[in-house]
Amino acid sequence: MKLLIINGPNINFLGIREKAVYGKQTYDDLLELIEEKAKEADCNVEVFQSNHEGAIIDRIQDAYSDGTEGIIINPGAYTHYSYAIRDALASVELPKIELHISDISAREDFRRLSVTAEVCDEQIKGLGLKGYCVAIDHICALIEEREL
């Protein structure tokens, strides 16, 4: 199974930015966690991170034809206003999960709106970095359901 995890702006600054919200674990810690979970789930996971909206859109579009079977995306701040990323996600008919380390529904008002969630199969939020492990399990289940 080939999965793509996309991390948007500032996710690469885990352990540096807003530790009270995102914790002390670093982006390297997250990559290690994902690698371990991928081995456990027996799947191939590519992790892509960009602070640039266009690069994220390009990677979503590439997933259409590169054999990707499911997308997990943490759009970061783009969650709340990027209709371009929303449209790119809508254009690929793959299982998709939107993921957030913090609980965006319990934060500032502007963070409570997600324009990307409606084109994803599921939204996972507020589980910290472990949310990525949950998302991998859920996306694998969604892919298996589609294969039946």
N, C-alpha and C. Protein backbone atom coordinates (compact mmCIF):
# COMPACT_ATOMS: atom_id res chain seq x y z
N MET A 1 0.85 -1.17 0.00
CA MET A 1 0.00 0.00 0.00
C MET A 1 0.90 1.24 0.00
N LYS A 2 0.60 2.17 -0.89
CA LYS A 2 1.41 3.39 -1.01
C LYS A 2 0.61 4.59 -0.48
N LEU A 3 1.13 5.19 0.59
CA LEU A 3 0.48 6.33 1.23
C LEU A 3 1.34 7.57 1.10
N LEU A 4 0.67 8.71 1.05
CA LEU A 4 1.34 10.00 1.01
C LEU A 4 0.88 10.81 2.21
N ILE A 5 1.83 11.29 3.00
CA ILE A 5 1.53 12.21 4.10
C ILE A 5 2.08 13.56 3.71
N ILE A 6 1.20 14.55 3.68
CA ILE A 6 1.58 15.92 3.33
C ILE A 6 1.47 16.78 4.58
N ASN A 7 2.56 17.47 4.89
CA ASN A 7 2.57 18.41 6.00
C ASN A 7 2.78 19.82 5.46
N GLY A 8 1.90 20.70 5.85
CA GLY A 8 1.94 22.07 5.36
C GLY A 8 2.84 22.97 6.18
N PRO A 9 2.59 24.28 6.10
CA PRO A 9 3.49 25.27 6.67
C PRO A 9 3.71 25.11 8.17
N ASN A 10 4.96 25.28 8.53
CA ASN A 10 5.42 25.32 9.91
C ASN A 10 5.43 23.98 10.64
N ILE A 11 4.94 22.92 10.00
CA ILE A 11 4.99 21.61 10.65
C ILE A 11 6.46 21.20 10.84
N ASN A 12 7.32 21.63 9.94
CA ASN A 12 8.75 21.34 10.07
C ASN A 12 9.37 22.02 11.29
N PHE A 13 8.64 22.93 11.93
CA PHE A 13 9.14 23.62 13.12
C PHE A 13 8.60 23.01 14.41
N LEU A 14 8.13 21.77 14.36
CA LEU A 14 7.70 21.10 15.59
C LEU A 14 8.87 21.07 16.57
N GLY A 15 8.55 21.26 17.83
CA GLY A 15 9.58 21.31 18.87
C GLY A 15 10.19 22.68 19.04
N ILE A 16 9.91 23.57 18.09
CA ILE A 16 10.42 24.93 18.14
C ILE A 16 9.27 25.90 18.37
N ARG A 17 8.19 25.73 17.64
CA ARG A 17 7.07 26.67 17.69
C ARG A 17 6.02 26.25 18.71
N GLU A 18 5.46 27.18 19.38
CA GLU A 18 4.32 27.00 20.28
C GLU A 18 4.31 25.64 20.98
N LYS A 19 5.29 25.40 21.81
CA LYS A 19 5.43 24.10 22.48
C LYS A 19 4.22 23.76 23.35
N ALA A 20 3.56 24.77 23.88
CA ALA A 20 2.37 24.52 24.71
C ALA A 20 1.23 23.94 23.88
N VAL A 21 1.23 24.22 22.58
CA VAL A 21 0.18 23.71 21.69
C VAL A 21 0.62 22.42 21.00
N TYR A 22 1.85 22.41 20.49
CA TYR A 22 2.30 21.31 19.63
C TYR A 22 3.28 20.36 20.31
N GLY A 23 3.71 20.66 21.52
CA GLY A 23 4.60 19.77 22.25
C GLY A 23 6.07 20.02 21.95
N LYS A 24 6.90 19.22 22.57
CA LYS A 24 8.35 19.39 22.48
C LYS A 24 8.99 18.46 21.47
N GLN A 25 8.23 17.49 20.98
CA GLN A 25 8.80 16.58 19.99
C GLN A 25 9.08 17.33 18.70
N THR A 26 10.14 16.94 18.03
CA THR A 26 10.59 17.63 16.82
C THR A 26 10.00 16.99 15.56
N TYR A 27 10.24 17.63 14.43
CA TYR A 27 9.81 17.07 13.16
C TYR A 27 10.52 15.75 12.88
N ASP A 28 11.79 15.66 13.26
CA ASP A 28 12.51 14.39 13.11
C ASP A 28 11.87 13.29 13.95
N ASP A 29 11.40 13.64 15.15
CA ASP A 29 10.67 12.67 15.98
C ASP A 29 9.42 12.18 15.25
N LEU A 30 8.72 13.12 14.61
CA LEU A 30 7.52 12.75 13.86
C LEU A 30 7.87 11.81 12.71
N LEU A 31 8.92 12.12 11.98
CA LEU A 31 9.32 11.26 10.86
C LEU A 31 9.67 9.85 11.33
N GLU A 32 10.33 9.77 12.47
CA GLU A 32 10.68 8.46 13.04
C GLU A 32 9.42 7.69 13.44
N LEU A 33 8.48 8.39 14.06
CA LEU A 33 7.21 7.77 14.45
C LEU A 33 6.47 7.23 13.24
N ILE A 34 6.41 8.02 12.18
CA ILE A 34 5.74 7.60 10.95
C ILE A 34 6.43 6.39 10.33
N GLU A 35 7.76 6.42 10.31
CA GLU A 35 8.51 5.30 9.74
C GLU A 35 8.23 4.00 10.50
N GLU A 36 8.21 4.08 11.83
CA GLU A 36 7.92 2.90 12.65
C GLU A 36 6.50 2.39 12.39
N LYS A 37 5.55 3.31 12.32
CA LYS A 37 4.15 2.92 12.08
C LYS A 37 3.99 2.32 10.69
N ALA A 38 4.68 2.86 9.70
CA ALA A 38 4.61 2.33 8.34
C ALA A 38 5.10 0.88 8.30
N LYS A 39 6.18 0.59 9.00
CA LYS A 39 6.69 -0.78 9.07
C LYS A 39 5.66 -1.70 9.72
N GLU A 40 5.09 -1.23 10.81
CA GLU A 40 4.08 -2.02 11.53
C GLU A 40 2.87 -2.30 10.65
N ALA A 41 2.45 -1.30 9.88
CA ALA A 41 1.27 -1.42 9.02
C ALA A 41 1.61 -2.06 7.67
N ASP A 42 2.88 -2.33 7.43
CA ASP A 42 3.35 -2.94 6.19
C ASP A 42 2.91 -2.13 4.96
N CYS A 43 3.24 -0.84 5.03
CA CYS A 43 2.91 0.03 3.89
C CYS A 43 4.09 0.96 3.60
N ASN A 44 4.08 1.48 2.40
CA ASN A 44 5.09 2.41 1.95
C ASN A 44 4.55 3.83 2.15
N VAL A 45 5.21 4.61 2.97
CA VAL A 45 4.74 5.96 3.27
C VAL A 45 5.78 6.98 2.82
N GLU A 46 5.34 7.91 1.98
CA GLU A 46 6.16 9.05 1.62
C GLU A 46 5.68 10.25 2.42
N VAL A 47 6.60 10.97 3.02
CA VAL A 47 6.26 12.19 3.75
C VAL A 47 6.78 13.38 2.95
N PHE A 48 5.88 14.32 2.71
CA PHE A 48 6.21 15.53 1.96
C PHE A 48 5.83 16.72 2.83
N GLN A 49 6.75 17.68 2.97
CA GLN A 49 6.45 18.89 3.74
C GLN A 49 6.84 20.09 2.91
N SER A 50 5.96 21.10 2.91
CA SER A 50 6.28 22.35 2.25
C SER A 50 5.57 23.50 2.95
N ASN A 51 6.24 24.64 2.94
CA ASN A 51 5.64 25.87 3.43
C ASN A 51 4.99 26.65 2.30
N HIS A 52 4.94 26.05 1.11
CA HIS A 52 4.46 26.74 -0.08
C HIS A 52 3.21 26.07 -0.64
N GLU A 53 2.16 26.85 -0.77
CA GLU A 53 0.87 26.35 -1.23
C GLU A 53 0.97 25.65 -2.59
N GLY A 54 1.65 26.25 -3.54
CA GLY A 54 1.75 25.67 -4.88
C GLY A 54 2.46 24.32 -4.87
N ALA A 55 3.48 24.17 -4.04
CA ALA A 55 4.20 22.90 -3.96
C ALA A 55 3.29 21.80 -3.41
N ILE A 56 2.45 22.16 -2.45
CA ILE A 56 1.49 21.19 -1.89
C ILE A 56 0.49 20.78 -2.96
N ILE A 57 -0.01 21.74 -3.71
CA ILE A 57 -0.95 21.45 -4.79
C ILE A 57 -0.29 20.56 -5.83
N ASP A 58 0.93 20.87 -6.22
CA ASP A 58 1.64 20.04 -7.20
C ASP A 58 1.77 18.61 -6.70
N ARG A 59 2.09 18.43 -5.41
CA ARG A 59 2.27 17.07 -4.89
C ARG A 59 0.95 16.32 -4.85
N ILE A 60 -0.13 16.99 -4.51
CA ILE A 60 -1.45 16.35 -4.53
C ILE A 60 -1.78 15.91 -5.96
N GLN A 61 -1.54 16.78 -6.92
CA GLN A 61 -1.82 16.43 -8.32
C GLN A 61 -0.95 15.27 -8.79
N ASP A 62 0.31 15.23 -8.38
CA ASP A 62 1.19 14.12 -8.75
C ASP A 62 0.67 12.79 -8.19
N ALA A 63 0.02 12.85 -7.04
CA ALA A 63 -0.51 11.63 -6.42
C ALA A 63 -1.56 10.96 -7.30
N TYR A 64 -2.19 11.72 -8.15
CA TYR A 64 -3.21 11.19 -9.06
C TYR A 64 -2.66 10.07 -9.94
N SER A 65 -1.39 10.20 -10.35
CA SER A 65 -0.86 9.25 -11.33
C SER A 65 0.40 8.50 -10.88
N ASP A 66 0.81 8.66 -9.64
CA ASP A 66 2.07 8.03 -9.23
C ASP A 66 1.88 6.76 -8.40
N GLY A 67 0.67 6.26 -8.35
CA GLY A 67 0.42 5.02 -7.61
C GLY A 67 0.02 5.22 -6.16
N THR A 68 -0.08 6.46 -5.72
CA THR A 68 -0.53 6.74 -4.36
C THR A 68 -1.94 6.20 -4.18
N GLU A 69 -2.16 5.52 -3.06
CA GLU A 69 -3.48 4.92 -2.79
C GLU A 69 -4.28 5.68 -1.75
N GLY A 70 -3.63 6.55 -0.98
CA GLY A 70 -4.32 7.33 0.04
C GLY A 70 -3.47 8.49 0.49
N ILE A 71 -4.13 9.58 0.87
CA ILE A 71 -3.44 10.80 1.29
C ILE A 71 -3.88 11.17 2.71
N ILE A 72 -2.89 11.46 3.54
CA ILE A 72 -3.11 12.06 4.85
C ILE A 72 -2.50 13.45 4.76
N ILE A 73 -3.28 14.46 5.08
CA ILE A 73 -2.77 15.82 4.94
C ILE A 73 -3.01 16.63 6.21
N ASN A 74 -1.94 17.27 6.66
CA ASN A 74 -2.01 18.28 7.70
C ASN A 74 -1.72 19.59 6.98
N PRO A 75 -2.76 20.30 6.54
CA PRO A 75 -2.53 21.51 5.75
C PRO A 75 -2.01 22.70 6.55
N GLY A 76 -1.88 22.56 7.86
CA GLY A 76 -1.45 23.69 8.67
C GLY A 76 -2.44 24.84 8.51
N ALA A 77 -1.94 26.04 8.47
CA ALA A 77 -2.81 27.22 8.37
C ALA A 77 -3.62 27.24 7.07
N TYR A 78 -3.16 26.54 6.05
CA TYR A 78 -3.93 26.49 4.80
C TYR A 78 -5.29 25.84 4.99
N THR A 79 -5.45 25.09 6.06
CA THR A 79 -6.73 24.46 6.39
C THR A 79 -7.87 25.47 6.34
N HIS A 80 -7.59 26.66 6.80
CA HIS A 80 -8.64 27.63 7.07
C HIS A 80 -8.99 28.53 5.90
N TYR A 81 -8.16 28.50 4.85
CA TYR A 81 -8.47 29.44 3.76
C TYR A 81 -8.00 29.01 2.38
N SER A 82 -7.34 27.89 2.23
CA SER A 82 -6.82 27.55 0.90
C SER A 82 -7.83 26.76 0.08
N TYR A 83 -8.61 27.49 -0.67
CA TYR A 83 -9.54 26.84 -1.59
C TYR A 83 -8.79 26.15 -2.72
N ALA A 84 -7.57 26.60 -3.00
CA ALA A 84 -6.76 25.96 -4.03
C ALA A 84 -6.35 24.55 -3.59
N ILE A 85 -5.92 24.39 -2.34
CA ILE A 85 -5.59 23.05 -1.84
C ILE A 85 -6.86 22.22 -1.74
N ARG A 86 -7.95 22.82 -1.30
CA ARG A 86 -9.23 22.13 -1.24
C ARG A 86 -9.60 21.58 -2.61
N ASP A 87 -9.48 22.39 -3.64
CA ASP A 87 -9.83 21.96 -5.00
C ASP A 87 -8.90 20.87 -5.50
N ALA A 88 -7.62 20.96 -5.16
CA ALA A 88 -6.67 19.90 -5.56
C ALA A 88 -7.04 18.59 -4.89
N LEU A 89 -7.38 18.63 -3.61
CA LEU A 89 -7.80 17.42 -2.90
C LEU A 89 -9.07 16.84 -3.51
N ALA A 90 -10.00 17.72 -3.86
CA ALA A 90 -11.27 17.26 -4.45
C ALA A 90 -11.06 16.61 -5.80
N SER A 91 -10.00 16.98 -6.49
CA SER A 91 -9.78 16.49 -7.85
C SER A 91 -9.19 15.09 -7.90
N VAL A 92 -8.64 14.60 -6.80
CA VAL A 92 -8.08 13.25 -6.80
C VAL A 92 -9.01 12.31 -6.03
N GLU A 93 -9.47 11.30 -6.72
CA GLU A 93 -10.42 10.36 -6.11
C GLU A 93 -9.67 9.26 -5.39
N LEU A 94 -9.08 9.64 -4.28
CA LEU A 94 -8.37 8.72 -3.39
C LEU A 94 -8.91 8.92 -1.99
N PRO A 95 -8.81 7.91 -1.13
CA PRO A 95 -9.15 8.16 0.27
C PRO A 95 -8.22 9.25 0.83
N LYS A 96 -8.81 10.17 1.59
CA LYS A 96 -8.05 11.30 2.13
C LYS A 96 -8.48 11.56 3.57
N ILE A 97 -7.50 11.81 4.42
CA ILE A 97 -7.76 12.17 5.81
C ILE A 97 -7.07 13.48 6.11
N GLU A 98 -7.82 14.42 6.68
CA GLU A 98 -7.24 15.67 7.17
C GLU A 98 -6.84 15.44 8.62
N LEU A 99 -5.64 15.87 8.96
CA LEU A 99 -5.07 15.62 10.28
C LEU A 99 -4.58 16.91 10.91
N HIS A 100 -4.82 17.04 12.21
CA HIS A 100 -4.30 18.19 12.97
C HIS A 100 -3.75 17.70 14.30
N ILE A 101 -2.58 18.17 14.66
CA ILE A 101 -1.94 17.79 15.91
C ILE A 101 -2.75 18.33 17.09
N SER A 102 -3.18 19.56 17.00
CA SER A 102 -4.00 20.17 18.05
C SER A 102 -5.48 20.02 17.70
N ASP A 103 -6.32 20.32 18.66
CA ASP A 103 -7.77 20.28 18.41
C ASP A 103 -8.19 21.66 17.88
N ILE A 104 -8.28 21.78 16.57
CA ILE A 104 -8.57 23.08 15.97
C ILE A 104 -9.94 23.61 16.38
N SER A 105 -10.85 22.74 16.77
CA SER A 105 -12.18 23.20 17.18
C SER A 105 -12.18 23.83 18.56
N ALA A 106 -11.09 23.69 19.30
CA ALA A 106 -10.99 24.26 20.64
C ALA A 106 -10.01 25.44 20.69
N ARG A 107 -9.61 25.91 19.53
CA ARG A 107 -8.63 27.01 19.48
C ARG A 107 -9.31 28.30 19.04
N GLU A 108 -8.53 29.24 18.51
CA GLU A 108 -9.07 30.53 18.10
C GLU A 108 -10.18 30.34 17.08
N ASP A 109 -11.09 31.32 17.02
CA ASP A 109 -12.24 31.21 16.12
C ASP A 109 -11.84 30.93 14.68
N PHE A 110 -10.81 31.63 14.19
CA PHE A 110 -10.45 31.45 12.78
C PHE A 110 -9.95 30.04 12.49
N ARG A 111 -9.44 29.33 13.50
CA ARG A 111 -8.93 27.97 13.29
C ARG A 111 -10.04 26.92 13.27
N ARG A 112 -11.22 27.28 13.66
CA ARG A 112 -12.30 26.31 13.76
C ARG A 112 -12.89 25.93 12.41
N LEU A 113 -12.69 26.78 11.42
CA LEU A 113 -13.19 26.50 10.07
C LEU A 113 -12.13 25.75 9.28
N SER A 114 -12.54 24.65 8.67
CA SER A 114 -11.67 23.94 7.75
C SER A 114 -12.34 23.91 6.39
N VAL A 115 -11.68 24.50 5.40
CA VAL A 115 -12.24 24.45 4.04
C VAL A 115 -11.83 23.16 3.34
N THR A 116 -10.86 22.45 3.91
CA THR A 116 -10.38 21.21 3.27
C THR A 116 -11.08 19.96 3.80
N ALA A 117 -11.64 20.01 4.99
CA ALA A 117 -12.25 18.82 5.60
C ALA A 117 -13.38 18.24 4.76
N GLU A 118 -14.16 19.11 4.13
CA GLU A 118 -15.33 18.62 3.40
C GLU A 118 -14.98 17.77 2.18
N VAL A 119 -13.74 17.82 1.71
CA VAL A 119 -13.34 16.99 0.57
C VAL A 119 -12.47 15.81 1.02
N CYS A 120 -12.40 15.61 2.33
CA CYS A 120 -11.68 14.47 2.90
C CYS A 120 -12.70 13.49 3.49
N ASP A 121 -12.29 12.25 3.62
CA ASP A 121 -13.18 11.23 4.16
C ASP A 121 -13.32 11.33 5.67
N GLU A 122 -12.33 11.92 6.30
CA GLU A 122 -12.30 11.96 7.75
C GLU A 122 -11.40 13.09 8.21
N GLN A 123 -11.64 13.56 9.44
CA GLN A 123 -10.76 14.55 10.06
C GLN A 123 -10.34 14.00 11.43
N ILE A 124 -9.05 14.01 11.69
CA ILE A 124 -8.51 13.59 12.98
C ILE A 124 -7.84 14.81 13.58
N LYS A 125 -8.15 15.11 14.85
CA LYS A 125 -7.59 16.31 15.47
C LYS A 125 -7.39 16.10 16.96
N GLY A 126 -6.37 16.77 17.48
CA GLY A 126 -6.17 16.83 18.92
C GLY A 126 -5.51 15.62 19.55
N LEU A 127 -4.91 14.74 18.77
CA LEU A 127 -4.27 13.55 19.33
C LEU A 127 -2.75 13.68 19.39
N GLY A 128 -2.24 14.87 19.13
CA GLY A 128 -0.80 15.06 19.10
C GLY A 128 -0.20 14.30 17.93
N LEU A 129 1.08 13.98 18.04
CA LEU A 129 1.75 13.28 16.94
C LEU A 129 1.19 11.88 16.75
N LYS A 130 0.62 11.29 17.79
CA LYS A 130 0.03 9.95 17.67
C LYS A 130 -1.14 9.95 16.69
N GLY A 131 -1.68 11.13 16.40
CA GLY A 131 -2.75 11.23 15.41
C GLY A 131 -2.29 10.70 14.05
N TYR A 132 -1.01 10.82 13.75
CA TYR A 132 -0.49 10.30 12.49
C TYR A 132 -0.61 8.78 12.44
N CYS A 133 -0.36 8.12 13.57
CA CYS A 133 -0.50 6.65 13.63
C CYS A 133 -1.96 6.25 13.45
N VAL A 134 -2.84 6.97 14.10
CA VAL A 134 -4.28 6.70 13.96
C VAL A 134 -4.69 6.92 12.50
N ALA A 135 -4.19 7.98 11.90
CA ALA A 135 -4.54 8.29 10.51
C ALA A 135 -4.05 7.20 9.56
N ILE A 136 -2.87 6.66 9.80
CA ILE A 136 -2.37 5.58 8.95
C ILE A 136 -3.28 4.36 9.05
N ASP A 137 -3.68 4.00 10.28
CA ASP A 137 -4.61 2.88 10.44
C ASP A 137 -5.92 3.14 9.71
N HIS A 138 -6.44 4.34 9.85
CA HIS A 138 -7.73 4.67 9.24
C HIS A 138 -7.66 4.72 7.72
N ILE A 139 -6.59 5.28 7.17
CA ILE A 139 -6.48 5.36 5.71
C ILE A 139 -6.31 3.97 5.12
N CYS A 140 -5.57 3.10 5.81
CA CYS A 140 -5.43 1.72 5.32
C CYS A 140 -6.79 1.03 5.31
N ALA A 141 -7.59 1.24 6.34
CA ALA A 141 -8.93 0.66 6.38
C ALA A 141 -9.80 1.21 5.24
N LEU A 142 -9.72 2.51 4.99
CA LEU A 142 -10.50 3.11 3.89
C LEU A 142 -10.09 2.53 2.54
N ILE A 143 -8.80 2.33 2.34
CA ILE A 143 -8.31 1.75 1.08
C ILE A 143 -8.80 0.32 0.95
N GLU A 144 -8.72 -0.45 2.01
CA GLU A 144 -9.19 -1.84 1.96
C GLU A 144 -10.68 -1.91 1.68
N GLU A 145 -11.48 -1.01 2.25
CA GLU A 145 -12.92 -0.96 1.99
C GLU A 145 -13.20 -0.71 0.52
N ARG A 146 -12.45 0.17 -0.10
CA ARG A 146 -12.66 0.49 -1.52
C ARG A 146 -12.30 -0.67 -2.42
N GLU A 147 -11.38 -1.53 -1.95
CA GLU A 147 -10.95 -2.67 -2.74
C GLU A 147 -11.96 -3.80 -2.73
N LEU A 148 -12.87 -3.80 -1.76
CA LEU A 148 -13.88 -4.88 -1.67
C LEU A 148 -14.93 -4.79 -2.74
